[in-house]
N, C-alpha and C. Protein backbone atom coordinates (compact mmCIF):
# COMPACT_ATOMS: atom_id res chain seq x y z
N MET A 1 23.32 3.34 3.83
CA MET A 1 22.14 3.90 4.11
C MET A 1 21.14 2.94 4.75
N GLU A 2 20.68 3.84 5.79
CA GLU A 2 19.33 3.47 6.78
C GLU A 2 18.40 4.16 6.28
N ILE A 3 17.35 3.33 6.20
CA ILE A 3 16.17 3.83 5.64
C ILE A 3 14.75 3.64 6.68
N LEU A 4 13.56 4.15 6.95
CA LEU A 4 12.70 3.50 8.14
C LEU A 4 11.58 3.60 7.00
N LEU A 5 11.03 2.49 7.33
CA LEU A 5 9.42 2.27 6.69
C LEU A 5 8.34 2.84 7.64
N GLY A 6 7.68 3.68 7.11
CA GLY A 6 6.75 4.28 7.93
C GLY A 6 5.29 3.83 7.83
N THR A 7 5.59 2.56 8.57
CA THR A 7 4.21 1.73 8.54
C THR A 7 3.91 0.66 9.69
N ASN A 8 2.88 0.52 10.28
CA ASN A 8 2.67 -0.33 11.37
C ASN A 8 2.29 -1.51 11.20
N ASN A 9 2.00 -1.72 9.74
CA ASN A 9 1.44 -2.80 8.99
C ASN A 9 2.46 -3.89 8.56
N ARG A 10 2.70 -5.19 9.35
CA ARG A 10 3.67 -6.05 9.07
C ARG A 10 3.93 -6.57 8.04
N ASN A 11 2.75 -6.64 7.35
CA ASN A 11 2.40 -7.28 5.77
C ASN A 11 3.25 -6.57 4.81
N LYS A 12 2.82 -5.31 4.70
CA LYS A 12 3.43 -4.44 4.01
C LYS A 12 4.98 -4.29 4.43
N VAL A 13 5.43 -4.31 5.65
CA VAL A 13 6.77 -4.31 5.94
C VAL A 13 7.67 -5.51 4.91
N LYS A 14 6.73 -6.30 5.52
CA LYS A 14 7.53 -7.72 4.58
C LYS A 14 7.74 -7.61 2.91
N GLU A 15 6.33 -6.87 2.42
CA GLU A 15 6.44 -6.62 1.14
C GLU A 15 7.41 -5.82 0.50
N ILE A 16 7.66 -4.85 1.23
CA ILE A 16 8.59 -3.79 0.77
C ILE A 16 9.91 -4.07 1.15
N SER A 17 10.21 -4.59 2.48
CA SER A 17 11.74 -5.15 2.37
C SER A 17 11.91 -6.19 1.19
N LYS A 18 11.52 -7.02 0.65
CA LYS A 18 11.46 -8.02 0.01
C LYS A 18 11.86 -7.31 -1.45
N LEU A 19 11.16 -6.10 -1.81
CA LEU A 19 11.19 -5.19 -2.80
C LEU A 19 12.52 -4.38 -2.84
N LEU A 20 12.86 -4.49 -1.71
CA LEU A 20 14.32 -3.54 -1.64
C LEU A 20 15.53 -4.10 -1.37
N ALA A 21 15.52 -5.42 -1.24
CA ALA A 21 16.28 -6.47 -1.15
C ALA A 21 17.89 -6.21 -1.87
N ASP A 22 17.50 -5.90 -3.13
CA ASP A 22 18.61 -5.67 -3.86
C ASP A 22 18.99 -4.37 -3.82
N LEU A 23 18.91 -3.53 -2.54
CA LEU A 23 19.39 -2.13 -2.77
C LEU A 23 20.19 -2.24 -1.47
N PRO A 24 21.30 -1.66 -1.52
CA PRO A 24 22.39 -1.49 -0.26
C PRO A 24 21.70 -0.53 0.69
N VAL A 25 20.71 -0.80 1.39
CA VAL A 25 19.99 -0.01 2.41
C VAL A 25 19.53 -0.77 3.52
N LYS A 26 19.74 -0.32 4.77
CA LYS A 26 19.43 -0.94 5.92
C LYS A 26 18.11 -0.50 6.22
N ILE A 27 17.05 -1.74 6.49
CA ILE A 27 15.56 -1.24 6.78
C ILE A 27 15.62 -1.05 8.49
N LYS A 28 14.84 0.15 8.92
CA LYS A 28 14.38 0.10 10.19
C LYS A 28 12.78 0.05 10.22
N THR A 29 12.10 -0.33 11.10
CA THR A 29 10.83 -0.45 11.10
C THR A 29 10.34 0.50 12.28
N LEU A 30 9.23 0.84 12.56
CA LEU A 30 8.53 1.43 13.70
C LEU A 30 8.81 0.85 14.97
N ASP A 31 9.04 -0.56 14.68
CA ASP A 31 9.13 -1.40 15.86
C ASP A 31 10.52 -1.11 16.60
N ASP A 32 11.61 -0.66 15.76
CA ASP A 32 12.75 0.01 16.60
C ASP A 32 12.54 1.56 17.03
N PHE A 33 11.04 2.07 16.93
CA PHE A 33 11.14 3.33 17.61
C PHE A 33 9.65 3.46 18.60
N PRO A 34 9.83 2.44 19.75
CA PRO A 34 8.68 2.24 20.71
C PRO A 34 7.86 3.81 20.92
N GLY A 35 8.44 4.44 21.32
CA GLY A 35 8.38 5.54 21.83
C GLY A 35 7.19 6.35 20.68
N VAL A 36 7.78 5.93 19.28
CA VAL A 36 6.94 6.81 18.59
C VAL A 36 5.55 6.62 18.30
N ALA A 37 4.33 7.69 18.43
CA ALA A 37 3.26 7.21 18.29
C ALA A 37 2.56 7.13 17.00
N PRO A 38 1.64 6.30 16.78
CA PRO A 38 1.23 6.33 15.11
C PRO A 38 0.53 7.74 14.84
N VAL A 39 1.00 8.04 13.62
CA VAL A 39 0.20 9.20 13.38
C VAL A 39 -1.30 8.96 12.80
N GLU A 40 -1.94 9.91 12.70
CA GLU A 40 -3.53 10.07 12.54
C GLU A 40 -3.84 10.18 10.96
N GLU A 41 -4.11 9.01 10.22
CA GLU A 41 -4.45 9.52 8.95
C GLU A 41 -5.66 9.94 8.20
N ASP A 42 -5.98 10.91 8.33
CA ASP A 42 -6.93 11.81 8.28
C ASP A 42 -7.10 12.55 6.93
N GLY A 43 -6.03 12.28 6.19
CA GLY A 43 -5.97 13.07 4.70
C GLY A 43 -7.16 12.57 3.58
N GLU A 44 -7.48 13.66 2.97
CA GLU A 44 -8.86 13.33 1.88
C GLU A 44 -7.78 12.60 0.54
N THR A 45 -6.85 12.24 0.54
CA THR A 45 -6.47 11.57 -0.95
C THR A 45 -4.98 10.43 0.03
N LEU A 46 -5.21 9.91 -1.06
CA LEU A 46 -3.85 8.54 -0.69
C LEU A 46 -2.29 9.37 -0.66
N GLU A 47 -2.50 10.74 -1.18
CA GLU A 47 -1.29 11.36 -1.26
C GLU A 47 -1.32 12.13 -0.28
N GLU A 48 -1.84 12.50 0.35
CA GLU A 48 -2.24 13.36 1.75
C GLU A 48 -1.50 12.75 2.64
N ASN A 49 -2.02 11.66 2.78
CA ASN A 49 -1.50 10.44 4.05
C ASN A 49 -0.45 9.78 3.87
N ALA A 50 0.25 9.70 2.69
CA ALA A 50 1.60 8.97 2.63
C ALA A 50 2.62 10.21 3.03
N ILE A 51 1.94 11.68 2.69
CA ILE A 51 3.14 12.75 2.85
C ILE A 51 3.20 12.80 4.31
N LYS A 52 2.07 12.82 4.80
CA LYS A 52 1.75 12.97 6.05
C LYS A 52 2.82 12.29 7.00
N LYS A 53 2.80 10.62 6.83
CA LYS A 53 3.16 9.65 7.53
C LYS A 53 4.49 9.55 7.31
N ALA A 54 5.46 9.90 5.87
CA ALA A 54 6.69 10.08 5.67
C ALA A 54 7.08 10.96 6.44
N HIS A 55 6.38 12.39 6.50
CA HIS A 55 7.08 13.40 6.82
C HIS A 55 7.10 13.48 8.67
N PHE A 56 5.98 12.83 9.23
CA PHE A 56 5.79 12.89 10.52
C PHE A 56 6.78 11.85 11.32
N TYR A 57 7.09 10.73 10.74
CA TYR A 57 8.10 9.62 11.00
C TYR A 57 9.44 10.36 10.69
N SER A 58 9.85 10.70 9.67
CA SER A 58 11.05 11.08 9.49
C SER A 58 11.26 12.24 10.54
N LYS A 59 10.50 13.18 10.73
CA LYS A 59 10.92 13.74 11.78
C LYS A 59 11.10 13.75 13.00
N ALA A 60 10.07 12.54 13.43
CA ALA A 60 10.31 12.01 14.89
C ALA A 60 11.39 10.77 15.03
N THR A 61 11.87 10.52 14.10
CA THR A 61 13.25 9.79 13.98
C THR A 61 14.41 10.36 13.48
N ARG A 62 14.35 11.00 12.79
CA ARG A 62 15.28 11.97 12.12
C ARG A 62 15.88 11.09 11.14
N MET A 63 15.07 10.17 10.62
CA MET A 63 15.49 9.15 9.52
C MET A 63 14.91 9.31 7.98
N PHE A 64 15.62 9.18 7.12
CA PHE A 64 15.24 9.00 5.89
C PHE A 64 13.94 7.90 5.72
N THR A 65 12.90 8.75 5.77
CA THR A 65 11.70 7.72 5.77
C THR A 65 10.59 7.31 4.44
N LEU A 66 10.26 6.09 4.06
CA LEU A 66 9.36 6.04 3.02
C LEU A 66 7.98 5.49 3.49
N ALA A 67 7.18 6.07 3.27
CA ALA A 67 5.53 5.82 3.93
C ALA A 67 4.83 5.37 2.75
N ASP A 68 4.10 4.62 2.57
CA ASP A 68 3.03 4.37 1.50
C ASP A 68 1.35 4.53 1.96
N ASP A 69 0.51 5.04 1.18
CA ASP A 69 -0.75 4.96 1.38
C ASP A 69 -1.54 4.13 0.48
N THR A 70 -2.22 2.89 0.64
CA THR A 70 -3.00 2.39 -0.89
C THR A 70 -4.41 2.24 -0.48
N GLY A 71 -4.90 2.36 -1.77
CA GLY A 71 -6.37 2.34 -1.87
C GLY A 71 -7.02 1.63 -2.85
N LEU A 72 -8.08 0.78 -2.62
CA LEU A 72 -8.67 0.20 -3.75
C LEU A 72 -9.67 1.29 -4.40
N GLU A 73 -9.98 1.39 -5.54
CA GLU A 73 -10.85 2.19 -6.08
C GLU A 73 -12.03 1.55 -7.10
N VAL A 74 -12.89 1.33 -6.64
CA VAL A 74 -14.02 0.85 -7.36
C VAL A 74 -14.93 1.42 -8.02
N ALA A 75 -14.62 1.33 -9.36
CA ALA A 75 -15.56 2.24 -10.54
C ALA A 75 -16.89 2.38 -10.29
N ALA A 76 -17.72 1.26 -9.96
CA ALA A 76 -19.38 1.30 -9.64
C ALA A 76 -19.37 1.80 -8.26
N LEU A 77 -18.69 2.03 -7.57
CA LEU A 77 -18.71 2.73 -6.21
C LEU A 77 -18.26 4.36 -6.01
N ASN A 78 -18.06 4.75 -7.40
CA ASN A 78 -17.57 6.40 -7.26
C ASN A 78 -15.95 6.18 -7.02
N GLY A 79 -15.32 5.21 -6.86
CA GLY A 79 -14.02 5.07 -6.47
C GLY A 79 -13.75 4.80 -4.87
N ALA A 80 -14.77 4.34 -4.37
CA ALA A 80 -14.75 3.95 -2.92
C ALA A 80 -14.55 2.39 -2.87
N PRO A 81 -13.97 1.88 -1.86
CA PRO A 81 -13.55 2.65 -0.61
C PRO A 81 -12.19 3.48 -0.26
N GLY A 82 -11.55 3.49 -1.64
CA GLY A 82 -10.40 4.62 -1.50
C GLY A 82 -9.61 4.82 -0.63
N VAL A 83 -9.49 6.16 0.03
CA VAL A 83 -8.41 6.32 1.01
C VAL A 83 -8.96 6.03 2.75
N TYR A 84 -10.51 5.24 2.42
CA TYR A 84 -10.87 4.51 3.70
C TYR A 84 -10.69 3.14 3.35
N SER A 85 -9.85 2.61 2.47
CA SER A 85 -9.77 1.22 2.42
C SER A 85 -9.47 0.27 3.45
N ALA A 86 -8.71 0.72 4.24
CA ALA A 86 -8.27 -0.05 5.55
C ALA A 86 -9.49 -0.28 6.74
N ARG A 87 -10.37 1.29 6.46
CA ARG A 87 -11.13 1.15 7.57
C ARG A 87 -12.91 1.13 7.32
N TYR A 88 -12.99 0.63 5.80
CA TYR A 88 -14.30 0.41 5.05
C TYR A 88 -15.22 -0.28 6.18
N ALA A 89 -15.31 -1.24 6.85
CA ALA A 89 -16.22 -1.99 7.72
C ALA A 89 -16.22 -1.09 9.14
N GLY A 90 -15.57 -0.39 8.98
CA GLY A 90 -15.60 0.66 10.55
C GLY A 90 -14.45 0.53 11.05
N GLU A 91 -13.89 1.31 12.28
CA GLU A 91 -12.37 1.32 12.94
C GLU A 91 -12.42 -0.34 13.32
N ASN A 92 -11.25 -0.33 13.69
CA ASN A 92 -10.58 -1.68 14.16
C ASN A 92 -11.36 -3.07 13.26
N CYS A 93 -11.73 -2.76 11.91
CA CYS A 93 -11.99 -4.02 11.47
C CYS A 93 -11.10 -4.63 11.28
N SER A 94 -11.57 -6.27 10.47
CA SER A 94 -10.67 -6.99 10.01
C SER A 94 -10.50 -7.08 8.24
N TYR A 95 -9.34 -7.79 7.77
CA TYR A 95 -9.61 -7.86 6.40
C TYR A 95 -10.85 -8.28 5.92
N GLU A 96 -11.09 -9.49 6.60
CA GLU A 96 -12.46 -10.46 6.24
C GLU A 96 -13.62 -9.44 6.56
N ASP A 97 -13.85 -8.57 7.44
CA ASP A 97 -14.82 -7.59 7.59
C ASP A 97 -15.21 -6.53 6.07
N ASN A 98 -13.79 -6.14 5.95
CA ASN A 98 -13.88 -5.35 4.59
C ASN A 98 -14.05 -5.98 3.48
N ASN A 99 -13.69 -7.37 3.42
CA ASN A 99 -13.89 -7.90 2.16
C ASN A 99 -15.25 -8.33 2.00
N ARG A 100 -15.85 -8.76 2.95
CA ARG A 100 -17.61 -8.95 3.16
C ARG A 100 -18.09 -7.85 2.94
N LYS A 101 -17.63 -6.49 3.13
CA LYS A 101 -18.54 -5.50 3.31
C LYS A 101 -18.45 -5.18 1.35
N LEU A 102 -17.46 -5.15 1.19
CA LEU A 102 -17.28 -5.00 -0.40
C LEU A 102 -18.01 -5.83 -1.46
N ILE A 103 -17.95 -7.25 -0.83
CA ILE A 103 -19.17 -8.37 -1.80
C ILE A 103 -20.68 -7.82 -1.57
N SER A 104 -20.63 -7.49 -0.41
CA SER A 104 -22.15 -7.08 -0.16
C SER A 104 -22.63 -6.02 -1.14
N GLU A 105 -21.42 -4.83 -0.89
CA GLU A 105 -22.08 -3.42 -1.78
C GLU A 105 -22.25 -3.81 -3.20
N LEU A 106 -21.47 -4.82 -3.75
CA LEU A 106 -21.44 -5.19 -5.10
C LEU A 106 -22.45 -6.06 -5.65
N GLU A 107 -23.04 -6.77 -4.59
CA GLU A 107 -24.40 -7.85 -4.79
C GLU A 107 -24.79 -7.72 -6.13
N LYS A 108 -25.41 -6.90 -6.31
CA LYS A 108 -26.37 -6.50 -7.63
C LYS A 108 -25.58 -5.97 -8.62
N ILE A 109 -24.31 -6.03 -8.63
CA ILE A 109 -23.69 -5.32 -9.93
C ILE A 109 -23.06 -6.41 -10.49
N LYS A 110 -23.12 -6.79 -12.05
CA LYS A 110 -22.94 -7.42 -12.98
C LYS A 110 -21.31 -7.54 -13.08
N ALA A 111 -20.81 -9.25 -12.96
CA ALA A 111 -19.40 -9.16 -13.20
C ALA A 111 -18.90 -8.05 -14.16
N THR A 112 -19.36 -7.86 -15.19
CA THR A 112 -18.67 -7.09 -16.23
C THR A 112 -18.64 -5.62 -15.87
N ASN A 113 -19.30 -5.17 -14.59
CA ASN A 113 -19.26 -3.78 -14.29
C ASN A 113 -18.85 -3.72 -12.81
N ARG A 114 -17.61 -4.56 -12.73
CA ARG A 114 -16.76 -4.75 -11.25
C ARG A 114 -15.58 -4.44 -11.54
N ALA A 115 -15.33 -3.48 -12.46
CA ALA A 115 -14.01 -2.77 -12.54
C ALA A 115 -13.31 -2.50 -11.38
N ALA A 116 -11.95 -2.39 -10.98
CA ALA A 116 -11.49 -1.38 -9.85
C ALA A 116 -10.06 -1.16 -10.17
N ARG A 117 -9.56 -0.39 -9.50
CA ARG A 117 -7.86 -0.27 -9.36
C ARG A 117 -7.58 -0.32 -8.48
N PHE A 118 -6.43 -0.83 -7.81
CA PHE A 118 -5.70 -0.77 -6.82
C PHE A 118 -4.42 0.17 -6.89
N ARG A 119 -4.39 1.51 -6.13
CA ARG A 119 -3.46 2.57 -6.41
C ARG A 119 -2.23 2.45 -5.00
N CYS A 120 -1.42 2.64 -5.02
CA CYS A 120 -0.11 3.03 -3.92
C CYS A 120 0.54 4.08 -4.31
N VAL A 121 0.50 4.88 -3.44
CA VAL A 121 1.24 6.30 -3.27
C VAL A 121 2.27 5.98 -2.32
N ILE A 122 3.41 6.42 -2.49
CA ILE A 122 4.62 6.51 -1.82
C ILE A 122 5.50 7.61 -1.70
N ALA A 123 5.61 7.98 -0.57
CA ALA A 123 6.03 9.23 -0.18
C ALA A 123 7.88 8.98 0.53
N CYS A 124 8.84 9.63 0.05
CA CYS A 124 10.19 9.47 0.18
C CYS A 124 10.39 11.02 1.30
N ALA A 125 10.52 10.84 2.06
CA ALA A 125 11.27 12.24 2.89
C ALA A 125 12.22 12.28 3.84
N ASP A 126 12.73 13.30 4.08
CA ASP A 126 13.95 13.58 4.69
C ASP A 126 13.51 14.90 5.33
N ALA A 127 12.94 14.77 6.60
CA ALA A 127 12.25 16.31 7.20
C ALA A 127 13.30 17.20 7.70
N GLU A 128 14.78 16.57 8.10
CA GLU A 128 15.82 17.68 8.33
C GLU A 128 16.23 18.21 7.32
N LYS A 129 16.20 17.74 6.08
CA LYS A 129 17.13 18.40 4.55
C LYS A 129 16.03 18.92 4.01
N GLY A 130 14.36 18.82 4.25
CA GLY A 130 13.07 19.42 3.51
C GLY A 130 13.17 19.04 2.23
N PHE A 131 13.57 17.25 2.28
CA PHE A 131 13.61 16.42 0.88
C PHE A 131 12.02 15.63 0.99
N LEU A 132 11.13 15.64 -0.07
CA LEU A 132 10.06 15.03 -0.51
C LEU A 132 10.03 14.90 -1.94
N LYS A 133 9.57 13.67 -1.97
CA LYS A 133 9.39 13.09 -3.35
C LYS A 133 8.33 11.96 -3.41
N VAL A 134 7.08 12.36 -4.17
CA VAL A 134 6.21 11.24 -4.37
C VAL A 134 5.87 10.47 -5.52
N VAL A 135 5.89 9.27 -5.45
CA VAL A 135 5.60 8.51 -6.52
C VAL A 135 4.57 7.46 -6.45
N ASP A 136 3.64 6.95 -7.73
CA ASP A 136 2.57 5.83 -7.35
C ASP A 136 2.48 5.17 -8.43
N GLY A 137 1.95 4.15 -8.53
CA GLY A 137 1.66 2.56 -8.94
C GLY A 137 0.33 2.17 -8.59
N SER A 138 -0.08 1.70 -10.34
CA SER A 138 -1.56 1.14 -10.47
C SER A 138 -1.55 -0.18 -11.03
N LEU A 139 -2.63 -0.92 -10.36
CA LEU A 139 -2.78 -2.33 -10.88
C LEU A 139 -4.49 -2.43 -11.36
N ILE A 140 -4.66 -2.69 -12.28
CA ILE A 140 -6.12 -2.98 -12.91
C ILE A 140 -6.86 -4.51 -12.60
N GLY A 141 -7.84 -4.11 -12.13
CA GLY A 141 -8.74 -5.66 -11.95
C GLY A 141 -9.92 -5.47 -11.90
N THR A 142 -10.44 -6.73 -11.21
CA THR A 142 -12.22 -6.56 -11.45
C THR A 142 -12.44 -7.42 -9.80
N ILE A 143 -13.48 -6.91 -9.29
CA ILE A 143 -13.78 -7.59 -7.83
C ILE A 143 -14.59 -8.70 -7.85
N LEU A 144 -14.27 -9.89 -7.39
CA LEU A 144 -15.27 -10.93 -7.24
C LEU A 144 -15.78 -11.14 -6.18
N ASP A 145 -17.00 -12.33 -6.43
CA ASP A 145 -18.51 -12.11 -5.38
C ASP A 145 -17.70 -13.48 -4.16
N SER A 146 -16.60 -13.70 -4.60
CA SER A 146 -16.35 -14.65 -3.15
C SER A 146 -14.55 -14.84 -3.19
N ILE A 147 -14.36 -15.38 -2.06
CA ILE A 147 -12.91 -15.09 -1.71
C ILE A 147 -12.14 -16.25 -2.50
N GLN A 148 -10.77 -15.74 -2.99
CA GLN A 148 -10.11 -17.04 -3.58
C GLN A 148 -8.73 -16.76 -3.19
N GLY A 149 -7.88 -17.97 -2.82
CA GLY A 149 -6.77 -17.74 -2.38
C GLY A 149 -6.49 -17.64 -1.04
N THR A 150 -5.16 -17.86 -0.55
CA THR A 150 -4.76 -17.67 0.80
C THR A 150 -3.59 -16.94 1.17
N HIS A 151 -3.15 -16.27 0.19
CA HIS A 151 -1.99 -15.90 0.54
C HIS A 151 -2.03 -13.92 0.57
N GLY A 152 -1.29 -13.16 0.53
CA GLY A 152 -1.41 -11.54 0.66
C GLY A 152 -2.40 -11.34 1.76
N PHE A 153 -2.88 -10.03 2.06
CA PHE A 153 -3.64 -9.55 3.00
C PHE A 153 -4.75 -8.60 2.14
N GLY A 154 -5.37 -7.68 3.13
CA GLY A 154 -6.46 -6.89 2.72
C GLY A 154 -7.41 -7.39 1.80
N TYR A 155 -7.35 -6.57 0.49
CA TYR A 155 -8.47 -7.14 -0.44
C TYR A 155 -7.67 -8.18 -1.83
N ASP A 156 -6.84 -8.51 -1.28
CA ASP A 156 -6.04 -9.67 -2.41
C ASP A 156 -7.10 -10.61 -2.57
N PRO A 157 -7.77 -11.35 -1.77
CA PRO A 157 -8.69 -12.50 -2.07
C PRO A 157 -9.80 -12.11 -2.98
N ILE A 158 -10.04 -11.11 -3.30
CA ILE A 158 -11.08 -10.84 -4.03
C ILE A 158 -10.73 -9.85 -5.38
N PHE A 159 -9.71 -9.14 -5.57
CA PHE A 159 -9.15 -8.60 -6.30
C PHE A 159 -8.74 -9.84 -7.58
N PHE A 160 -9.22 -9.55 -8.38
CA PHE A 160 -8.86 -10.27 -9.65
C PHE A 160 -8.04 -9.86 -10.70
N VAL A 161 -6.95 -10.26 -11.17
CA VAL A 161 -6.08 -9.83 -12.21
C VAL A 161 -6.13 -10.38 -13.54
N PRO A 162 -6.69 -10.05 -14.45
CA PRO A 162 -6.95 -10.61 -15.62
C PRO A 162 -5.81 -10.94 -16.53
N GLU A 163 -4.64 -10.27 -16.56
CA GLU A 163 -3.47 -10.58 -17.30
C GLU A 163 -2.87 -12.01 -16.40
N VAL A 164 -3.04 -12.19 -15.39
CA VAL A 164 -2.80 -13.78 -15.03
C VAL A 164 -3.72 -14.89 -14.50
N LYS A 165 -5.34 -14.06 -14.49
CA LYS A 165 -6.03 -14.99 -14.62
C LYS A 165 -6.26 -15.40 -13.05
N LYS A 166 -5.57 -14.96 -12.02
CA LYS A 166 -5.75 -14.98 -10.32
C LYS A 166 -5.95 -13.90 -9.71
N THR A 167 -6.64 -14.42 -8.62
CA THR A 167 -6.34 -13.40 -7.66
C THR A 167 -5.08 -12.95 -7.14
N LEU A 168 -4.97 -11.59 -6.47
CA LEU A 168 -3.65 -11.37 -5.90
C LEU A 168 -3.28 -12.47 -4.70
N ALA A 169 -4.57 -13.34 -3.96
CA ALA A 169 -4.07 -13.99 -2.87
C ALA A 169 -3.66 -15.25 -3.78
N GLU A 170 -4.10 -15.75 -4.76
CA GLU A 170 -3.51 -17.12 -5.21
C GLU A 170 -2.15 -16.76 -6.02
N LEU A 171 -1.61 -15.60 -5.77
CA LEU A 171 -0.13 -15.70 -5.90
C LEU A 171 0.92 -15.63 -4.77
N THR A 172 1.84 -16.21 -5.09
CA THR A 172 3.24 -16.18 -4.15
C THR A 172 3.58 -14.73 -4.18
N LEU A 173 4.41 -14.36 -3.01
CA LEU A 173 4.39 -13.24 -3.02
C LEU A 173 5.73 -12.97 -4.15
N GLU A 174 6.36 -13.76 -4.19
CA GLU A 174 7.36 -13.24 -5.50
C GLU A 174 6.62 -12.62 -6.79
N GLU A 175 5.66 -13.68 -6.82
CA GLU A 175 4.66 -13.23 -8.07
C GLU A 175 4.01 -12.13 -7.82
N LYS A 176 3.31 -11.79 -6.86
CA LYS A 176 2.67 -10.64 -6.63
C LYS A 176 3.53 -9.29 -6.83
N ASN A 177 4.65 -9.63 -6.04
CA ASN A 177 5.79 -8.49 -6.18
C ASN A 177 6.57 -7.99 -7.97
N LYS A 178 6.02 -8.66 -8.84
CA LYS A 178 6.23 -8.45 -10.22
C LYS A 178 5.37 -7.74 -10.82
N ILE A 179 4.04 -7.71 -10.06
CA ILE A 179 2.97 -6.84 -10.94
C ILE A 179 2.22 -6.00 -10.24
N SER A 180 2.48 -5.92 -8.76
CA SER A 180 1.28 -5.29 -7.70
C SER A 180 1.37 -3.76 -8.07
N HIS A 181 0.54 -3.22 -7.41
CA HIS A 181 0.51 -1.64 -7.62
C HIS A 181 1.86 -1.08 -6.63
N ARG A 182 2.02 -1.96 -5.42
CA ARG A 182 3.27 -1.56 -4.57
C ARG A 182 4.32 -1.80 -5.32
N ALA A 183 4.44 -2.88 -5.75
CA ALA A 183 5.75 -2.99 -6.70
C ALA A 183 6.00 -2.15 -7.79
N LEU A 184 4.95 -1.51 -8.54
CA LEU A 184 5.40 -0.64 -9.32
C LEU A 184 5.60 0.48 -8.82
N ALA A 185 5.00 1.12 -7.69
CA ALA A 185 5.35 2.28 -7.10
C ALA A 185 6.95 2.26 -6.29
N LEU A 186 7.24 1.08 -5.63
CA LEU A 186 8.68 0.80 -5.24
C LEU A 186 9.34 0.73 -6.21
N ASN A 187 9.52 0.57 -7.14
CA ASN A 187 10.50 0.33 -8.85
C ASN A 187 10.63 2.11 -8.65
N LYS A 188 9.72 2.98 -8.73
CA LYS A 188 10.05 4.37 -8.85
C LYS A 188 10.68 4.89 -7.98
N ALA A 189 10.45 4.41 -6.55
CA ALA A 189 10.90 4.68 -5.42
C ALA A 189 12.10 4.62 -5.01
N LYS A 190 12.64 3.40 -5.53
CA LYS A 190 14.07 3.22 -5.72
C LYS A 190 15.02 3.73 -6.44
N GLU A 191 14.76 4.24 -7.39
CA GLU A 191 15.47 5.21 -8.45
C GLU A 191 15.54 6.28 -7.27
N ILE A 192 14.54 6.71 -6.48
CA ILE A 192 14.88 7.99 -5.53
C ILE A 192 15.83 7.60 -4.45
N LEU A 193 15.69 6.42 -4.32
CA LEU A 193 16.60 5.73 -2.90
C LEU A 193 18.26 5.62 -3.63
N LYS A 194 18.29 5.58 -4.97
CA LYS A 194 19.81 5.19 -5.34
C LYS A 194 20.27 6.61 -6.10
N GLU A 195 19.67 7.81 -6.21
CA GLU A 195 20.00 8.90 -6.25
C GLU A 195 20.46 9.63 -4.76
N VAL A 196 19.48 9.49 -3.76
CA VAL A 196 19.72 9.74 -2.33
C VAL A 196 21.04 9.33 -1.82
N ALA A 197 21.30 8.00 -2.09
CA ALA A 197 22.78 7.01 -1.77
C ALA A 197 23.80 7.63 -2.34
N ALA A 198 23.57 7.92 -3.61
CA ALA A 198 24.77 8.48 -4.45
C ALA A 198 25.07 9.88 -4.04
N ALA A 199 24.32 10.63 -3.48
CA ALA A 199 24.65 12.32 -3.43
C ALA A 199 25.79 12.43 -2.33
């Protein structure tokens, strides 16, 4: 079975490919379809964006597509940056820009009030068959006031996970893939892929 990963984020492709390695699926990426333009992520929720991406890319490529949208939700900021996590510091910002902005926003917030949740929503779609299923996964942690670790991407260097006493950026990809929000969502998505492959 061939599936398309509906993302232009190479870090996500790497993580997802590793997590799906034990399935009998051949993974295609948007690099295999250079004529397909990126979809505008203008949804108000992670679910809306994941569904839009999965459906759009499935329709454009006529492939079964898996697409995610992931957000960091900080309690002290009423759930922000949430759906705007990737562009929190502005359009075309870097991961470092986003981390700096978040650290700055939480400057006056005590360490005990920096609870946060990483949430990943994955949509599995086959536009030609009208197939759509959505799953999600969450990871609870806290936001640090400085960067720790060199692995991972995005907010990983400032997202501290109490159960492992490290930031996500201090974990190897193998370690991260055992506990991360994306891994939890993908484990659910894998069950969907198995059902589809067996049908």
